[in-house]
Amino acid sequence: MANDICRVLLIEDKLESIELLQDLFSKSQHSSLAKGLTFPVTCAKTLKESLTFLEAHQFDVILLDLDLPDSRGLHTLIKLREEVSNTPIIVKMDGQGEGAVVKSFQLGADGYLQIKNLDSNLLIYEIRLGIERQKYRVKINQQEQKINQAQEFADLDALIKSSGQTSVTARLFGSYPLQESLPDVFDELVETYGKLLELSLEQRIYKVDHNISEQLRSLGDKMGFLKASPRDTIEIHTKVLKEKSKDASVAKAQAYVVEGRLMILELMGYLASFYRKYYIGLSNINLSSRKDYP
């Protein structure tokens, strides 16, 4: 929010309420609570129209009527909160009971208004309070995400330490962890996995198709030829997450963690598939040899 501007998105289809709120905002300059702020208002009469505005513009606060032509009740709040995670939403409550107010807070509202007896002072007070609630909620979420990320890394490090030399590849090939035996190759795998993580996140957010599964399958086959183990996979995954999270925002770092959980499971599946095919091929060779030598 700029020092002297609080941009408001009013999502309301009732002309009487729109005119009332616009009038109260126009009088807000006389309120001591405004402290020099002006409140330019953009009005959307449907949920669909409001989402179009939100795609094109930044707003400091949203005033939401729950009953719109294309959406009704708390479902309206749920849909809007899915689209905007960090913008304070203040819902208009006309005649709803205390239970509805509590439920709206549980679903992501940062405040509520009752049009009856509303004046400029109360309107500005609720907006400032809603903005502070939202800042506090974001701060708490960021702290929780930092704790979760630290725990994620601790769990991965513990898994690496507890695994020791992995049983399957160690017994079959006498291999050592790639990070020790082939550090240059390990770094190349880290770089490849890191690029795939970025593409996977982009694919999920922007709904584009980067064919991540096929690229992971190819990476799994390459690791199989290198006699890689599940431990190698975890070490690659952990190094990438730590590097990506180092300079990222809390939200971006958490997105890497969440997306990475899906990627590592898929990669491990392809690595296991490679070894299953290897065993089948090895078994067929042994069987053919036995037929030749009764």
C-alpha atoms as a PDB file:
ATOM      1  CA  MET A   1       0.000   0.000   0.000  1.00  0.00           C
ATOM      2  CA  ALA A   2       1.351   3.414  -0.974  1.00  0.00           C
ATOM      3  CA  ASN A   3       1.801   5.955   1.823  1.00  0.00           C
ATOM      4  CA  ASP A   4      -1.236   8.007   0.780  1.00  0.00           C
ATOM      5  CA  ILE A   5      -3.375   5.564  -1.236  1.00  0.00           C
ATOM      6  CA  CYS A   6      -5.397   2.506  -0.229  1.00  0.00           C
ATOM      7  CA  ARG A   7      -6.797   0.888  -3.381  1.00  0.00           C
ATOM      8  CA  VAL A   8     -10.179  -0.719  -2.715  1.00  0.00           C
ATOM      9  CA  LEU A   9     -11.926  -3.389  -4.765  1.00  0.00           C
ATOM     10  CA  LEU A  10     -15.627  -3.319  -3.922  1.00  0.00           C
ATOM     11  CA  ILE A  11     -17.396  -6.506  -5.018  1.00  0.00           C
ATOM     12  CA  GLU A  12     -21.067  -5.592  -4.758  1.00  0.00           C
ATOM     13  CA  ASP A  13     -24.066  -5.680  -7.095  1.00  0.00           C
ATOM     14  CA  LYS A  14     -26.607  -3.713  -5.032  1.00  0.00           C
ATOM     15  CA  LEU A  15     -26.689  -0.092  -6.160  1.00  0.00           C
ATOM     16  CA  GLU A  16     -27.810   1.206  -2.757  1.00  0.00           C
ATOM     17  CA  SER A  17     -24.811  -0.370  -0.987  1.00  0.00           C
ATOM     18  CA  ILE A  18     -22.390   0.791  -3.702  1.00  0.00           C
ATOM     19  CA  GLU A  19     -23.573   4.402  -3.410  1.00  0.00           C
ATOM     20  CA  LEU A  20     -23.454   4.293   0.394  1.00  0.00           C
ATOM     21  CA  LEU A  21     -19.894   2.967   0.528  1.00  0.00           C
ATOM     22  CA  GLN A  22     -18.656   5.352  -2.156  1.00  0.00           C
ATOM     23  CA  ASP A  23     -20.187   8.246  -0.204  1.00  0.00           C
ATOM     24  CA  LEU A  24     -18.528   7.093   3.021  1.00  0.00           C
ATOM     25  CA  PHE A  25     -15.153   6.816   1.276  1.00  0.00           C
ATOM     26  CA  SER A  26     -15.558  10.321  -0.146  1.00  0.00           C
ATOM     27  CA  LYS A  27     -16.111  11.607   3.399  1.00  0.00           C
ATOM     28  CA  SER A  28     -13.203   9.600   4.839  1.00  0.00           C
ATOM     29  CA  GLN A  29     -10.744  12.499   4.394  1.00  0.00           C
ATOM     30  CA  HIS A  30     -12.404  14.109   7.394  1.00  0.00           C
ATOM     31  CA  SER A  31     -11.807  11.015   9.544  1.00  0.00           C
ATOM     32  CA  SER A  32      -8.861  11.098  11.927  1.00  0.00           C
ATOM     33  CA  LEU A  33      -8.427   7.368  11.291  1.00  0.00           C
ATOM     34  CA  ALA A  34      -7.687   7.961   7.610  1.00  0.00           C
ATOM     35  CA  LYS A  35      -4.441   9.787   8.478  1.00  0.00           C
ATOM     36  CA  GLY A  36      -4.109  11.335   5.029  1.00  0.00           C
ATOM     37  CA  LEU A  37      -5.104   8.218   3.105  1.00  0.00           C
ATOM     38  CA  THR A  38      -7.331   8.370   0.058  1.00  0.00           C
ATOM     39  CA  PHE A  39      -9.439   5.392  -0.996  1.00  0.00           C
ATOM     40  CA  PRO A  40      -9.897   5.040  -4.766  1.00  0.00           C
ATOM     41  CA  VAL A  41     -12.645   2.472  -5.325  1.00  0.00           C
ATOM     42  CA  THR A  42     -13.023   0.005  -8.194  1.00  0.00           C
ATOM     43  CA  CYS A  43     -16.414  -1.694  -8.322  1.00  0.00           C
ATOM     44  CA  ALA A  44     -17.115  -5.217  -9.609  1.00  0.00           C
ATOM     45  CA  LYS A  45     -20.684  -6.507  -9.668  1.00  0.00           C
ATOM     46  CA  THR A  46     -19.915 -10.220 -10.070  1.00  0.00           C
ATOM     47  CA  LEU A  47     -17.270 -12.613  -8.805  1.00  0.00           C
ATOM     48  CA  LYS A  48     -16.129 -13.248 -12.379  1.00  0.00           C
ATOM     49  CA  GLU A  49     -15.669  -9.523 -13.002  1.00  0.00           C
ATOM     50  CA  SER A  50     -13.722  -9.145  -9.754  1.00  0.00           C
ATOM     51  CA  LEU A  51     -11.295 -11.898 -10.766  1.00  0.00           C
ATOM     52  CA  THR A  52     -10.679 -10.096 -14.054  1.00  0.00           C
ATOM     53  CA  PHE A  53      -9.826  -6.902 -12.151  1.00  0.00           C
ATOM     54  CA  LEU A  54      -7.544  -8.819  -9.781  1.00  0.00           C
ATOM     55  CA  GLU A  55      -5.599 -10.288 -12.688  1.00  0.00           C
ATOM     56  CA  ALA A  56      -4.896  -6.828 -14.086  1.00  0.00           C
ATOM     57  CA  HIS A  57      -4.521  -4.652 -10.973  1.00  0.00           C
ATOM     58  CA  GLN A  58      -3.186  -4.652  -7.424  1.00  0.00           C
ATOM     59  CA  PHE A  59      -5.548  -3.802  -4.566  1.00  0.00           C
ATOM     60  CA  ASP A  60      -4.819  -3.094  -0.915  1.00  0.00           C
ATOM     61  CA  VAL A  61      -8.161  -4.338   0.406  1.00  0.00           C
ATOM     62  CA  ILE A  62     -11.271  -6.104  -0.890  1.00  0.00           C
ATOM     63  CA  LEU A  63     -14.805  -5.417   0.346  1.00  0.00           C
ATOM     64  CA  LEU A  64     -16.946  -8.429  -0.494  1.00  0.00           C
ATOM     65  CA  ASP A  65     -20.683  -8.962  -0.602  1.00  0.00           C
ATOM     66  CA  LEU A  66     -21.212 -12.702  -0.158  1.00  0.00           C
ATOM     67  CA  ASP A  67     -24.380 -12.802  -2.283  1.00  0.00           C
ATOM     68  CA  LEU A  68     -23.583 -12.012  -5.915  1.00  0.00           C
ATOM     69  CA  PRO A  69     -25.387 -12.855  -9.166  1.00  0.00           C
ATOM     70  CA  ASP A  70     -22.864 -15.606  -9.980  1.00  0.00           C
ATOM     71  CA  SER A  71     -21.966 -16.810  -6.469  1.00  0.00           C
ATOM     72  CA  ARG A  72     -23.751 -16.938  -3.121  1.00  0.00           C
ATOM     73  CA  GLY A  73     -22.846 -17.424   0.519  1.00  0.00           C
ATOM     74  CA  LEU A  74     -19.508 -18.399   2.002  1.00  0.00           C
ATOM     75  CA  HIS A  75     -18.665 -20.206  -1.227  1.00  0.00           C
ATOM     76  CA  THR A  76     -18.022 -16.718  -2.644  1.00  0.00           C
ATOM     77  CA  LEU A  77     -15.379 -16.079   0.005  1.00  0.00           C
ATOM     78  CA  ILE A  78     -13.791 -19.496  -0.568  1.00  0.00           C
ATOM     79  CA  LYS A  79     -13.475 -18.931  -4.321  1.00  0.00           C
ATOM     80  CA  LEU A  80     -12.064 -15.436  -3.871  1.00  0.00           C
ATOM     81  CA  ARG A  81      -9.539 -16.511  -1.226  1.00  0.00           C
ATOM     82  CA  GLU A  82      -8.319 -19.268  -3.559  1.00  0.00           C
ATOM     83  CA  GLU A  83      -7.395 -16.563  -6.075  1.00  0.00           C
ATOM     84  CA  VAL A  84      -5.911 -13.974  -3.685  1.00  0.00           C
ATOM     85  CA  SER A  85      -3.865 -15.271  -0.793  1.00  0.00           C
ATOM     86  CA  ASN A  86      -2.322 -12.080   0.599  1.00  0.00           C
ATOM     87  CA  THR A  87      -4.936  -9.374   0.042  1.00  0.00           C
ATOM     88  CA  PRO A  88      -7.163  -8.596   3.041  1.00  0.00           C
ATOM     89  CA  ILE A  89     -10.827  -9.465   2.459  1.00  0.00           C
ATOM     90  CA  ILE A  90     -13.566  -7.782   4.492  1.00  0.00           C
ATOM     91  CA  VAL A  91     -16.969  -9.365   4.052  1.00  0.00           C
ATOM     92  CA  LYS A  92     -20.295  -7.567   4.261  1.00  0.00           C
ATOM     93  CA  MET A  93     -22.581  -9.204   6.796  1.00  0.00           C
ATOM     94  CA  ASP A  94     -26.226  -8.108   6.661  1.00  0.00           C
ATOM     95  CA  GLY A  95     -28.275  -9.958   9.237  1.00  0.00           C
ATOM     96  CA  GLN A  96     -26.033 -13.044   9.438  1.00  0.00           C
ATOM     97  CA  GLY A  97     -25.516 -14.398  12.931  1.00  0.00           C
ATOM     98  CA  GLU A  98     -22.327 -14.670  14.964  1.00  0.00           C
ATOM     99  CA  GLY A  99     -21.743 -18.192  13.654  1.00  0.00           C
ATOM    100  CA  ALA A 100     -21.482 -16.920  10.086  1.00  0.00           C
ATOM    101  CA  VAL A 101     -18.980 -14.270  11.175  1.00  0.00           C
ATOM    102  CA  VAL A 102     -16.798 -16.856  12.912  1.00  0.00           C
ATOM    103  CA  LYS A 103     -17.013 -19.182   9.914  1.00  0.00           C
ATOM    104  CA  SER A 104     -15.965 -16.389   7.560  1.00  0.00           C
ATOM    105  CA  PHE A 105     -12.828 -15.781   9.625  1.00  0.00           C
ATOM    106  CA  GLN A 106     -12.064 -19.506   9.549  1.00  0.00           C
ATOM    107  CA  LEU A 107     -12.347 -19.430   5.745  1.00  0.00           C
ATOM    108  CA  GLY A 108      -9.901 -16.549   5.346  1.00  0.00           C
ATOM    109  CA  ALA A 109     -11.770 -13.291   5.946  1.00  0.00           C
ATOM    110  CA  ASP A 110      -9.830 -10.524   7.692  1.00  0.00           C
ATOM    111  CA  GLY A 111     -12.822  -8.506   8.866  1.00  0.00           C
ATOM    112  CA  TYR A 112     -16.527  -7.873   8.428  1.00  0.00           C
ATOM    113  CA  LEU A 113     -18.886  -4.939   7.932  1.00  0.00           C
ATOM    114  CA  GLN A 114     -22.513  -4.443   8.804  1.00  0.00           C
ATOM    115  CA  ILE A 115     -23.992  -1.749   6.592  1.00  0.00           C
ATOM    116  CA  LYS A 116     -26.567  -0.782   9.184  1.00  0.00           C
ATOM    117  CA  ASN A 117     -25.316   2.231  11.187  1.00  0.00           C
ATOM    118  CA  LEU A 118     -22.002   2.244   9.265  1.00  0.00           C
ATOM    119  CA  ASP A 119     -20.159   5.584   9.108  1.00  0.00           C
ATOM    120  CA  SER A 120     -16.818   6.713   7.683  1.00  0.00           C
ATOM    121  CA  ASN A 121     -14.944   6.265  10.951  1.00  0.00           C
ATOM    122  CA  LEU A 122     -16.144   2.705  11.434  1.00  0.00           C
ATOM    123  CA  LEU A 123     -15.485   1.857   7.775  1.00  0.00           C
ATOM    124  CA  ILE A 124     -11.889   3.110   7.912  1.00  0.00           C
ATOM    125  CA  TYR A 125     -11.364   1.426  11.278  1.00  0.00           C
ATOM    126  CA  GLU A 126     -12.498  -1.948   9.908  1.00  0.00           C
ATOM    127  CA  ILE A 127     -10.271  -1.562   6.841  1.00  0.00           C
ATOM    128  CA  ARG A 128      -7.197  -0.731   8.935  1.00  0.00           C
ATOM    129  CA  LEU A 129      -7.976  -3.582  11.330  1.00  0.00           C
ATOM    130  CA  GLY A 130      -8.460  -6.007   8.424  1.00  0.00           C
ATOM    131  CA  ILE A 131      -5.128  -5.000   6.892  1.00  0.00           C
ATOM    132  CA  GLU A 132      -3.350  -5.530  10.221  1.00  0.00           C
ATOM    133  CA  ARG A 133      -5.031  -8.929  10.665  1.00  0.00           C
ATOM    134  CA  GLN A 134      -3.888  -9.951   7.214  1.00  0.00           C
ATOM    135  CA  LYS A 135      -0.299  -8.842   7.909  1.00  0.00           C
ATOM    136  CA  TYR A 136      -0.323 -10.849  11.135  1.00  0.00           C
ATOM    137  CA  ARG A 137      -1.754 -13.910   9.353  1.00  0.00           C
ATOM    138  CA  VAL A 138       0.928 -13.718   6.652  1.00  0.00           C
ATOM    139  CA  LYS A 139       3.640 -13.362   9.308  1.00  0.00           C
ATOM    140  CA  ILE A 140       2.384 -16.415  11.209  1.00  0.00           C
ATOM    141  CA  ASN A 141       2.135 -18.446   7.982  1.00  0.00           C
ATOM    142  CA  GLN A 142       5.688 -17.493   7.034  1.00  0.00           C
ATOM    143  CA  GLN A 143       6.973 -18.540  10.460  1.00  0.00           C
ATOM    144  CA  GLU A 144       5.173 -21.878  10.165  1.00  0.00           C
ATOM    145  CA  GLN A 145       6.570 -22.393   6.667  1.00  0.00           C
ATOM    146  CA  LYS A 146      10.110 -21.661   7.869  1.00  0.00           C
ATOM    147  CA  ILE A 147       9.693 -24.218  10.656  1.00  0.00           C
ATOM    148  CA  ASN A 148       8.280 -26.771   8.199  1.00  0.00           C
ATOM    149  CA  GLN A 149      11.121 -26.160   5.735  1.00  0.00           C
ATOM    150  CA  ALA A 150      13.743 -26.544   8.452  1.00  0.00           C
ATOM    151  CA  GLN A 151      12.096 -29.793   9.540  1.00  0.00           C
ATOM    152  CA  GLU A 152      11.971 -30.993   5.917  1.00  0.00           C
ATOM    153  CA  PHE A 153      15.712 -30.470   5.498  1.00  0.00           C
ATOM    154  CA  ALA A 154      16.433 -32.065   8.882  1.00  0.00           C
ATOM    155  CA  ASP A 155      14.379 -35.137   7.941  1.00  0.00           C
ATOM    156  CA  LEU A 156      16.146 -35.445   4.580  1.00  0.00           C
ATOM    157  CA  ASP A 157      19.582 -35.119   6.196  1.00  0.00           C
ATOM    158  CA  ALA A 158      18.645 -37.736   8.788  1.00  0.00           C
ATOM    159  CA  LEU A 159      17.414 -40.067   6.047  1.00  0.00           C
ATOM    160  CA  ILE A 160      20.714 -39.727   4.195  1.00  0.00           C
ATOM    161  CA  LYS A 161      22.760 -40.386   7.340  1.00  0.00           C
ATOM    162  CA  SER A 162      20.655 -43.333   8.427  1.00  0.00           C
ATOM    163  CA  SER A 163      20.717 -45.024   5.025  1.00  0.00           C
ATOM    164  CA  GLY A 164      24.468 -45.554   5.004  1.00  0.00           C
ATOM    165  CA  GLN A 165      25.590 -47.402   1.886  1.00  0.00           C
ATOM    166  CA  THR A 166      22.390 -48.433   0.122  1.00  0.00           C
ATOM    167  CA  SER A 167      21.918 -52.181   0.050  1.00  0.00           C
ATOM    168  CA  VAL A 168      20.773 -52.912  -3.526  1.00  0.00           C
ATOM    169  CA  THR A 169      23.343 -51.011  -5.564  1.00  0.00           C
ATOM    170  CA  ALA A 170      26.134 -51.547  -3.052  1.00  0.00           C
ATOM    171  CA  ARG A 171      25.771 -55.334  -3.129  1.00  0.00           C
ATOM    172  CA  LEU A 172      25.252 -55.587  -6.866  1.00  0.00           C
ATOM    173  CA  PHE A 173      27.778 -53.094  -8.122  1.00  0.00           C
ATOM    174  CA  GLY A 174      30.034 -52.241  -5.174  1.00  0.00           C
ATOM    175  CA  SER A 175      29.210 -48.584  -5.857  1.00  0.00           C
ATOM    176  CA  TYR A 176      29.837 -45.571  -3.669  1.00  0.00           C
ATOM    177  CA  PRO A 177      27.610 -42.480  -3.394  1.00  0.00           C
ATOM    178  CA  LEU A 178      27.822 -40.431  -6.585  1.00  0.00           C
ATOM    179  CA  GLN A 179      28.663 -37.306  -4.611  1.00  0.00           C
ATOM    180  CA  GLU A 180      31.893 -39.015  -3.498  1.00  0.00           C
ATOM    181  CA  SER A 181      32.757 -41.199  -6.474  1.00  0.00           C
ATOM    182  CA  LEU A 182      31.695 -38.927  -9.354  1.00  0.00           C
ATOM    183  CA  PRO A 183      31.380 -35.379  -7.983  1.00  0.00           C
ATOM    184  CA  ASP A 184      31.323 -33.708 -11.420  1.00  0.00           C
ATOM    185  CA  VAL A 185      28.569 -36.038 -12.602  1.00  0.00           C
ATOM    186  CA  PHE A 186      26.703 -35.501  -9.328  1.00  0.00           C
ATOM    187  CA  ASP A 187      26.801 -31.728  -9.901  1.00  0.00           C
ATOM    188  CA  GLU A 188      25.433 -32.217 -13.425  1.00  0.00           C
ATOM    189  CA  LEU A 189      22.557 -34.283 -12.042  1.00  0.00           C
ATOM    190  CA  VAL A 190      21.878 -31.583  -9.446  1.00  0.00           C
ATOM    191  CA  GLU A 191      21.740 -28.956 -12.196  1.00  0.00           C
ATOM    192  CA  THR A 192      19.381 -31.077 -14.310  1.00  0.00           C
ATOM    193  CA  TYR A 193      17.101 -31.834 -11.361  1.00  0.00           C
ATOM    194  CA  GLY A 194      17.073 -28.145 -10.388  1.00  0.00           C
ATOM    195  CA  LYS A 195      15.965 -27.108 -13.884  1.00  0.00           C
ATOM    196  CA  LEU A 196      13.242 -29.746 -13.830  1.00  0.00           C
ATOM    197  CA  LEU A 197      12.005 -28.457 -10.466  1.00  0.00           C
ATOM    198  CA  GLU A 198      11.692 -24.946 -11.916  1.00  0.00           C
ATOM    199  CA  LEU A 199       9.860 -26.275 -14.981  1.00  0.00           C
ATOM    200  CA  SER A 200       7.575 -28.433 -12.851  1.00  0.00           C
ATOM    201  CA  LEU A 201       6.614 -25.440 -10.721  1.00  0.00           C
ATOM    202  CA  GLU A 202       6.028 -23.354 -13.836  1.00  0.00           C
ATOM    203  CA  GLN A 203       3.929 -26.155 -15.312  1.00  0.00           C
ATOM    204  CA  ARG A 204       1.717 -26.288 -12.227  1.00  0.00           C
ATOM    205  CA  ILE A 205       1.289 -22.506 -11.894  1.00  0.00           C
ATOM    206  CA  TYR A 206       0.858 -21.506 -15.533  1.00  0.00           C
ATOM    207  CA  LYS A 207      -0.809 -24.708 -16.789  1.00  0.00           C
ATOM    208  CA  VAL A 208       1.807 -25.268 -19.504  1.00  0.00           C
ATOM    209  CA  ASP A 209       3.118 -28.663 -20.551  1.00  0.00           C
ATOM    210  CA  HIS A 210       6.874 -29.258 -20.146  1.00  0.00           C
ATOM    211  CA  ASN A 211       6.516 -33.064 -20.240  1.00  0.00           C
ATOM    212  CA  ILE A 212       8.156 -33.315 -16.828  1.00  0.00           C
ATOM    213  CA  SER A 213       7.364 -37.011 -16.389  1.00  0.00           C
ATOM    214  CA  GLU A 214       9.236 -37.995 -19.529  1.00  0.00           C
ATOM    215  CA  GLN A 215      12.222 -35.868 -18.537  1.00  0.00           C
ATOM    216  CA  LEU A 216      12.217 -37.461 -15.075  1.00  0.00           C
ATOM    217  CA  ARG A 217      12.066 -40.901 -16.678  1.00  0.00           C
ATOM    218  CA  SER A 218      15.120 -40.019 -18.775  1.00  0.00           C
ATOM    219  CA  LEU A 219      16.932 -38.750 -15.678  1.00  0.00           C
ATOM    220  CA  GLY A 220      16.013 -41.947 -13.811  1.00  0.00           C
ATOM    221  CA  ASP A 221      17.465 -44.091 -16.625  1.00  0.00           C
ATOM    222  CA  LYS A 222      20.649 -42.034 -16.643  1.00  0.00           C
ATOM    223  CA  MET A 223      21.029 -42.476 -12.900  1.00  0.00           C
ATOM    224  CA  GLY A 224      20.398 -46.186 -13.300  1.00  0.00           C
ATOM    225  CA  PHE A 225      23.256 -46.507 -15.808  1.00  0.00           C
ATOM    226  CA  LEU A 226      25.429 -44.670 -13.267  1.00  0.00           C
ATOM    227  CA  LYS A 227      24.442 -47.280 -10.631  1.00  0.00           C
ATOM    228  CA  ALA A 228      22.768 -44.589  -8.540  1.00  0.00           C
ATOM    229  CA  SER A 229      20.871 -45.473  -5.398  1.00  0.00           C
ATOM    230  CA  PRO A 230      17.883 -44.009  -3.532  1.00  0.00           C
ATOM    231  CA  ARG A 231      20.418 -42.294  -1.298  1.00  0.00           C
ATOM    232  CA  ASP A 232      21.875 -40.513  -4.347  1.00  0.00           C
ATOM    233  CA  THR A 233      18.383 -39.395  -5.304  1.00  0.00           C
ATOM    234  CA  ILE A 234      17.761 -37.951  -1.837  1.00  0.00           C
ATOM    235  CA  GLU A 235      21.133 -36.196  -1.819  1.00  0.00           C
ATOM    236  CA  ILE A 236      20.429 -34.596  -5.221  1.00  0.00           C
ATOM    237  CA  HIS A 237      16.945 -33.580  -4.107  1.00  0.00           C
ATOM    238  CA  THR A 238      18.198 -32.124  -0.796  1.00  0.00           C
ATOM    239  CA  LYS A 239      21.001 -30.122  -2.394  1.00  0.00           C
ATOM    240  CA  VAL A 240      18.639 -28.629  -4.977  1.00  0.00           C
ATOM    241  CA  LEU A 241      16.062 -27.649  -2.345  1.00  0.00           C
ATOM    242  CA  LYS A 242      18.681 -25.979  -0.165  1.00  0.00           C
ATOM    243  CA  GLU A 243      20.138 -24.057  -3.103  1.00  0.00           C
ATOM    244  CA  LYS A 244      16.723 -22.958  -4.383  1.00  0.00           C
ATOM    245  CA  SER A 245      15.506 -21.903  -0.943  1.00  0.00           C
ATOM    246  CA  LYS A 246      18.614 -19.915  -0.035  1.00  0.00           C
ATOM    247  CA  ASP A 247      17.591 -16.608  -1.634  1.00  0.00           C
ATOM    248  CA  ALA A 248      13.902 -17.288  -2.265  1.00  0.00           C
ATOM    249  CA  SER A 249      10.956 -15.795  -0.428  1.00  0.00           C
ATOM    250  CA  VAL A 250       9.312 -17.977   2.209  1.00  0.00           C
ATOM    251  CA  ALA A 251       6.356 -18.643  -0.087  1.00  0.00           C
ATOM    252  CA  LYS A 252       8.586 -19.560  -3.057  1.00  0.00           C
ATOM    253  CA  ALA A 253      10.770 -21.796  -0.873  1.00  0.00           C
ATOM    254  CA  GLN A 254       7.678 -23.605   0.381  1.00  0.00           C
ATOM    255  CA  ALA A 255       6.492 -24.045  -3.209  1.00  0.00           C
ATOM    256  CA  TYR A 256       9.825 -25.725  -4.037  1.00  0.00           C
ATOM    257  CA  VAL A 257       9.416 -28.053  -1.054  1.00  0.00           C
ATOM    258  CA  VAL A 258       5.867 -29.064  -1.979  1.00  0.00           C
ATOM    259  CA  GLU A 259       6.623 -29.555  -5.673  1.00  0.00           C
ATOM    260  CA  GLY A 260       9.853 -31.373  -4.823  1.00  0.00           C
ATOM    261  CA  ARG A 261       8.021 -33.977  -2.755  1.00  0.00           C
ATOM    262  CA  LEU A 262       6.088 -35.059  -5.834  1.00  0.00           C
ATOM    263  CA  MET A 263       9.137 -34.991  -8.091  1.00  0.00           C
ATOM    264  CA  ILE A 264      11.403 -37.110  -5.892  1.00  0.00           C
ATOM    265  CA  LEU A 265       8.738 -39.807  -5.550  1.00  0.00           C
ATOM    266  CA  GLU A 266       8.289 -39.928  -9.310  1.00  0.00           C
ATOM    267  CA  LEU A 267      12.053 -40.003  -9.927  1.00  0.00           C
ATOM    268  CA  MET A 268      12.529 -42.831  -7.413  1.00  0.00           C
ATOM    269  CA  GLY A 269       9.772 -44.742  -9.179  1.00  0.00           C
ATOM    270  CA  TYR A 270      11.562 -44.436 -12.521  1.00  0.00           C
ATOM    271  CA  LEU A 271      14.871 -45.467 -10.953  1.00  0.00           C
ATOM    272  CA  ALA A 272      13.203 -48.530  -9.431  1.00  0.00           C
ATOM    273  CA  SER A 273      11.633 -49.313 -12.812  1.00  0.00           C
ATOM    274  CA  PHE A 274      15.071 -49.177 -14.425  1.00  0.00           C
ATOM    275  CA  TYR A 275      16.464 -51.700 -11.952  1.00  0.00           C
ATOM    276  CA  ARG A 276      13.461 -54.000 -12.379  1.00  0.00           C
ATOM    277  CA  LYS A 277      14.117 -54.084 -16.126  1.00  0.00           C
ATOM    278  CA  TYR A 278      17.810 -54.690 -15.398  1.00  0.00           C
ATOM    279  CA  TYR A 279      16.994 -57.701 -13.189  1.00  0.00           C
ATOM    280  CA  ILE A 280      14.661 -59.115 -15.836  1.00  0.00           C
ATOM    281  CA  GLY A 281      17.350 -58.774 -18.488  1.00  0.00           C
ATOM    282  CA  LEU A 282      19.943 -60.319 -16.193  1.00  0.00           C
ATOM    283  CA  SER A 283      17.612 -63.221 -15.372  1.00  0.00           C
ATOM    284  CA  ASN A 284      16.925 -63.876 -19.052  1.00  0.00           C
ATOM    285  CA  ILE A 285      20.648 -63.996 -19.785  1.00  0.00           C
ATOM    286  CA  ASN A 286      21.160 -66.526 -16.957  1.00  0.00           C
ATOM    287  CA  LEU A 287      18.291 -68.674 -18.187  1.00  0.00           C
ATOM    288  CA  SER A 288      19.660 -68.701 -21.748  1.00  0.00           C
ATOM    289  CA  SER A 289      23.064 -69.684 -20.443  1.00  0.00           C
ATOM    290  CA  ARG A 290      21.605 -72.624 -18.531  1.00  0.00           C
ATOM    291  CA  LYS A 291      19.867 -73.917 -21.659  1.00  0.00           C
ATOM    292  CA  ASP A 292      23.125 -73.882 -23.541  1.00  0.00           C
ATOM    293  CA  TYR A 293      24.888 -75.795 -20.787  1.00  0.00           C
ATOM    294  CA  PRO A 294      22.616 -78.557 -19.379  1.00  0.00           C
END
